[in-house]
Amino acid sequence: MLDMCMMAYTNGGKERTLVEWKDILDRSGFASHSIKPIPSEFRSVIVAYP
């Protein structure tokens, strides 16, 4: 729910795709990362390692 509040209360808030998150993590210098969907939810957990 917090992500929905952030989108509603900030200018330019948006929901990112998996491709966009991968690009952000790659450009930020994370050596390894995975995006794991949560079953029966519309959410995912992002695990990133420096």
Protein backbone atom coordinates (compact mmCIF):
# COMPACT_ATOMS: atom_id res chain seq x y z
CA MET A 1 0.00 0.00 0.00
CA LEU A 2 2.92 2.35 0.67
CA ASP A 3 3.92 2.31 -3.01
CA MET A 4 0.41 3.43 -3.98
CA CYS A 5 0.62 6.33 -1.50
CA MET A 6 4.01 7.34 -2.91
CA MET A 7 2.59 7.34 -6.44
CA ALA A 8 -0.40 9.42 -5.35
CA TYR A 9 1.52 12.00 -3.31
CA THR A 10 4.52 12.65 -5.56
CA ASN A 11 4.86 14.20 -9.00
CA GLY A 12 5.74 11.69 -11.69
CA GLY A 13 5.27 8.58 -9.55
CA LYS A 14 5.10 5.39 -11.60
CA GLU A 15 5.09 1.64 -11.40
CA ARG A 16 8.23 0.13 -12.91
CA THR A 17 8.43 -2.97 -15.10
CA LEU A 18 10.87 -5.82 -14.50
CA VAL A 19 13.00 -4.54 -17.40
CA GLU A 20 13.16 -1.06 -15.86
CA TRP A 21 14.19 -2.45 -12.45
CA LYS A 22 16.89 -4.62 -14.08
CA ASP A 23 18.27 -1.57 -15.90
CA ILE A 24 18.27 0.54 -12.71
CA LEU A 25 20.03 -2.18 -10.71
CA ASP A 26 22.61 -2.80 -13.46
CA ARG A 27 23.40 0.92 -13.81
CA SER A 28 23.62 1.30 -10.03
CA GLY A 29 26.48 -1.18 -9.88
CA PHE A 30 24.80 -4.14 -8.21
CA ALA A 31 26.81 -7.25 -9.08
CA SER A 32 23.90 -9.61 -8.64
CA HIS A 33 20.15 -9.26 -8.31
CA SER A 34 16.96 -11.22 -8.64
CA ILE A 35 13.31 -10.26 -8.69
CA LYS A 36 11.09 -12.85 -7.06
CA PRO A 37 7.30 -12.68 -7.48
CA ILE A 38 5.16 -13.41 -4.44
CA PRO A 39 2.55 -16.09 -5.25
CA SER A 40 -1.02 -14.80 -5.48
CA GLU A 41 0.11 -11.19 -5.01
CA PHE A 42 0.78 -8.36 -7.42
CA ARG A 43 4.11 -7.70 -5.70
CA SER A 44 7.68 -8.87 -5.93
CA VAL A 45 10.74 -8.89 -3.71
CA ILE A 46 13.92 -7.42 -5.18
CA VAL A 47 17.14 -8.95 -3.81
CA ALA A 48 20.28 -7.02 -4.80
CA TYR A 49 23.91 -7.57 -3.81
CA PRO A 50 26.70 -4.97 -4.14
